[in-house]
Amino acid sequence: MELDYDPRKRFGAHLAAVRRKRGISQERLALESGLARSYLSGVERGLRNIALVNICILAQALDMQPSELLDFRATGA
């Protein structure tokens, strides 16, 4: 399997893995972060170029550091 190096796809895959590992639905993360569920779906599929401010918002909602969301090695994304 070839790894996709598009950072949007890697970030999205990592975000989805973190969210699932914590047992959080997209709907719940959307409510807790104030971001639209459709936007989160696009981010997780690598279709959206997420802004730094939204990375920080998601990190806060997931109770983690923004840098952890950018550490793709953690999930192999």
N, C-alpha and C. Protein backbone atom coordinates (compact mmCIF):
# COMPACT_ATOMS: atom_id res chain seq x y z
N MET A 1 0.85 -1.19 0.00
CA MET A 1 0.00 0.00 0.00
C MET A 1 0.88 1.24 0.00
N GLU A 2 0.64 2.13 -0.92
CA GLU A 2 1.45 3.34 -1.04
C GLU A 2 0.90 4.42 -0.11
N LEU A 3 1.80 5.04 0.63
CA LEU A 3 1.42 6.10 1.56
C LEU A 3 1.20 7.39 0.79
N ASP A 4 0.12 8.06 1.03
CA ASP A 4 -0.17 9.33 0.38
C ASP A 4 0.48 10.44 1.20
N TYR A 5 1.33 11.23 0.57
CA TYR A 5 2.06 12.27 1.30
C TYR A 5 1.38 13.63 1.27
N ASP A 6 0.18 13.71 0.73
CA ASP A 6 -0.56 14.97 0.77
C ASP A 6 -0.82 15.31 2.23
N PRO A 7 -0.30 16.43 2.73
CA PRO A 7 -0.47 16.75 4.16
C PRO A 7 -1.93 16.89 4.57
N ARG A 8 -2.79 17.31 3.66
CA ARG A 8 -4.22 17.41 4.00
C ARG A 8 -4.80 16.03 4.29
N LYS A 9 -4.43 15.05 3.47
CA LYS A 9 -4.93 13.69 3.68
C LYS A 9 -4.31 13.07 4.92
N ARG A 10 -3.03 13.32 5.13
CA ARG A 10 -2.36 12.77 6.31
C ARG A 10 -2.95 13.36 7.59
N PHE A 11 -3.15 14.68 7.60
CA PHE A 11 -3.75 15.32 8.77
C PHE A 11 -5.15 14.77 9.01
N GLY A 12 -5.94 14.69 7.95
CA GLY A 12 -7.32 14.21 8.08
C GLY A 12 -7.39 12.79 8.60
N ALA A 13 -6.52 11.93 8.08
CA ALA A 13 -6.51 10.54 8.55
C ALA A 13 -6.10 10.46 10.02
N HIS A 14 -5.15 11.28 10.39
CA HIS A 14 -4.70 11.29 11.80
C HIS A 14 -5.81 11.83 12.70
N LEU A 15 -6.44 12.91 12.30
CA LEU A 15 -7.55 13.47 13.09
C LEU A 15 -8.65 12.43 13.27
N ALA A 16 -9.02 11.76 12.20
CA ALA A 16 -10.07 10.73 12.28
C ALA A 16 -9.66 9.61 13.21
N ALA A 17 -8.40 9.18 13.14
CA ALA A 17 -7.91 8.10 14.00
C ALA A 17 -7.95 8.52 15.47
N VAL A 18 -7.52 9.74 15.76
CA VAL A 18 -7.54 10.24 17.14
C VAL A 18 -8.98 10.30 17.64
N ARG A 19 -9.85 10.84 16.81
CA ARG A 19 -11.26 10.98 17.20
C ARG A 19 -11.88 9.61 17.48
N ARG A 20 -11.65 8.66 16.59
CA ARG A 20 -12.22 7.31 16.78
C ARG A 20 -11.65 6.62 18.01
N LYS A 21 -10.34 6.77 18.21
CA LYS A 21 -9.69 6.15 19.37
C LYS A 21 -10.30 6.65 20.67
N ARG A 22 -10.75 7.88 20.67
CA ARG A 22 -11.36 8.47 21.86
C ARG A 22 -12.87 8.22 21.93
N GLY A 23 -13.40 7.54 20.91
CA GLY A 23 -14.82 7.21 20.91
C GLY A 23 -15.71 8.42 20.68
N ILE A 24 -15.23 9.37 19.92
CA ILE A 24 -15.98 10.60 19.67
C ILE A 24 -16.49 10.60 18.22
N SER A 25 -17.75 10.90 18.04
CA SER A 25 -18.32 10.99 16.70
C SER A 25 -17.96 12.34 16.07
N GLN A 26 -18.08 12.42 14.76
CA GLN A 26 -17.88 13.71 14.10
C GLN A 26 -18.87 14.73 14.63
N GLU A 27 -20.09 14.29 14.83
CA GLU A 27 -21.15 15.18 15.33
C GLU A 27 -20.76 15.78 16.69
N ARG A 28 -20.29 14.93 17.58
CA ARG A 28 -19.90 15.40 18.92
C ARG A 28 -18.71 16.35 18.83
N LEU A 29 -17.71 15.99 18.02
CA LEU A 29 -16.54 16.87 17.89
C LEU A 29 -16.95 18.21 17.29
N ALA A 30 -17.87 18.17 16.35
CA ALA A 30 -18.37 19.41 15.76
C ALA A 30 -19.03 20.28 16.83
N LEU A 31 -19.87 19.67 17.65
CA LEU A 31 -20.55 20.43 18.70
C LEU A 31 -19.56 20.99 19.71
N GLU A 32 -18.58 20.20 20.10
CA GLU A 32 -17.62 20.62 21.12
C GLU A 32 -16.62 21.65 20.60
N SER A 33 -16.37 21.63 19.29
CA SER A 33 -15.39 22.56 18.73
C SER A 33 -16.04 23.81 18.13
N GLY A 34 -17.34 23.71 17.83
CA GLY A 34 -18.01 24.83 17.18
C GLY A 34 -17.80 24.86 15.67
N LEU A 35 -17.19 23.80 15.13
CA LEU A 35 -16.98 23.70 13.69
C LEU A 35 -18.10 22.84 13.08
N ALA A 36 -18.43 23.10 11.85
CA ALA A 36 -19.51 22.36 11.19
C ALA A 36 -19.08 20.91 10.95
N ARG A 37 -20.01 19.98 11.11
CA ARG A 37 -19.72 18.57 10.88
C ARG A 37 -19.30 18.33 9.44
N SER A 38 -19.93 19.03 8.50
CA SER A 38 -19.57 18.87 7.09
C SER A 38 -18.14 19.34 6.85
N TYR A 39 -17.71 20.38 7.55
CA TYR A 39 -16.34 20.86 7.44
C TYR A 39 -15.37 19.80 7.99
N LEU A 40 -15.69 19.23 9.16
CA LEU A 40 -14.84 18.18 9.74
C LEU A 40 -14.75 16.97 8.82
N SER A 41 -15.85 16.62 8.19
CA SER A 41 -15.85 15.51 7.25
C SER A 41 -14.88 15.78 6.10
N GLY A 42 -14.93 16.98 5.57
CA GLY A 42 -14.02 17.36 4.50
C GLY A 42 -12.56 17.36 4.93
N VAL A 43 -12.31 17.81 6.16
CA VAL A 43 -10.95 17.79 6.71
C VAL A 43 -10.47 16.35 6.83
N GLU A 44 -11.30 15.50 7.41
CA GLU A 44 -10.90 14.10 7.62
C GLU A 44 -10.67 13.37 6.30
N ARG A 45 -11.35 13.76 5.26
CA ARG A 45 -11.16 13.12 3.95
C ARG A 45 -10.04 13.78 3.14
N GLY A 46 -9.41 14.81 3.72
CA GLY A 46 -8.30 15.47 3.04
C GLY A 46 -8.73 16.40 1.94
N LEU A 47 -9.98 16.83 1.96
CA LEU A 47 -10.51 17.72 0.92
C LEU A 47 -10.42 19.18 1.30
N ARG A 48 -10.23 19.46 2.58
CA ARG A 48 -10.18 20.84 3.07
C ARG A 48 -8.78 21.16 3.55
N ASN A 49 -8.35 22.36 3.28
CA ASN A 49 -7.06 22.85 3.76
C ASN A 49 -7.32 23.58 5.08
N ILE A 50 -7.17 22.87 6.17
CA ILE A 50 -7.55 23.39 7.49
C ILE A 50 -6.63 24.53 7.92
N ALA A 51 -7.22 25.54 8.51
CA ALA A 51 -6.48 26.70 9.01
C ALA A 51 -5.87 26.39 10.37
N LEU A 52 -4.77 27.05 10.67
CA LEU A 52 -4.09 26.86 11.94
C LEU A 52 -5.03 27.11 13.12
N VAL A 53 -5.85 28.13 13.02
CA VAL A 53 -6.77 28.43 14.12
C VAL A 53 -7.72 27.25 14.36
N ASN A 54 -8.15 26.57 13.29
CA ASN A 54 -9.05 25.42 13.46
C ASN A 54 -8.31 24.20 14.02
N ILE A 55 -7.04 24.06 13.70
CA ILE A 55 -6.24 23.00 14.31
C ILE A 55 -6.19 23.23 15.82
N CYS A 56 -5.98 24.46 16.22
CA CYS A 56 -5.94 24.79 17.65
C CYS A 56 -7.28 24.55 18.32
N ILE A 57 -8.37 24.90 17.65
CA ILE A 57 -9.71 24.68 18.19
C ILE A 57 -9.97 23.19 18.37
N LEU A 58 -9.62 22.38 17.37
CA LEU A 58 -9.82 20.94 17.47
C LEU A 58 -8.96 20.33 18.56
N ALA A 59 -7.73 20.79 18.67
CA ALA A 59 -6.84 20.28 19.71
C ALA A 59 -7.42 20.55 21.09
N GLN A 60 -7.94 21.76 21.28
CA GLN A 60 -8.55 22.09 22.57
C GLN A 60 -9.77 21.20 22.84
N ALA A 61 -10.59 20.99 21.83
CA ALA A 61 -11.78 20.14 22.00
C ALA A 61 -11.40 18.69 22.30
N LEU A 62 -10.24 18.26 21.79
CA LEU A 62 -9.76 16.89 22.02
C LEU A 62 -8.83 16.79 23.23
N ASP A 63 -8.63 17.92 23.92
CA ASP A 63 -7.77 17.99 25.10
C ASP A 63 -6.35 17.50 24.80
N MET A 64 -5.77 18.11 23.76
CA MET A 64 -4.40 17.76 23.38
C MET A 64 -3.71 19.00 22.81
N GLN A 65 -2.43 18.90 22.62
CA GLN A 65 -1.67 20.00 22.04
C GLN A 65 -1.85 20.02 20.52
N PRO A 66 -1.88 21.19 19.91
CA PRO A 66 -1.98 21.25 18.45
C PRO A 66 -0.86 20.46 17.76
N SER A 67 0.31 20.47 18.34
CA SER A 67 1.44 19.74 17.74
C SER A 67 1.16 18.25 17.66
N GLU A 68 0.35 17.72 18.58
CA GLU A 68 0.00 16.30 18.55
C GLU A 68 -0.87 15.96 17.34
N LEU A 69 -1.68 16.91 16.91
CA LEU A 69 -2.50 16.68 15.73
C LEU A 69 -1.67 16.71 14.46
N LEU A 70 -0.50 17.33 14.53
CA LEU A 70 0.38 17.39 13.37
C LEU A 70 1.43 16.29 13.38
N ASP A 71 1.42 15.45 14.41
CA ASP A 71 2.38 14.33 14.49
C ASP A 71 1.75 13.11 13.84
N PHE A 72 1.90 13.02 12.54
CA PHE A 72 1.28 11.93 11.78
C PHE A 72 1.89 10.57 12.10
N ARG A 73 3.09 10.56 12.65
CA ARG A 73 3.76 9.29 12.97
C ARG A 73 2.97 8.49 14.00
N ALA A 74 2.22 9.18 14.84
CA ALA A 74 1.49 8.52 15.92
C ALA A 74 0.49 7.49 15.41
N THR A 75 -0.10 7.75 14.25
CA THR A 75 -1.10 6.82 13.71
C THR A 75 -0.66 6.25 12.37
N GLY A 76 0.53 6.61 11.94
CA GLY A 76 1.02 6.10 10.66
C GLY A 76 0.35 6.75 9.47
N ALA A 77 -0.34 7.86 9.71
CA ALA A 77 -1.03 8.55 8.61
C ALA A 77 -0.04 9.22 7.69
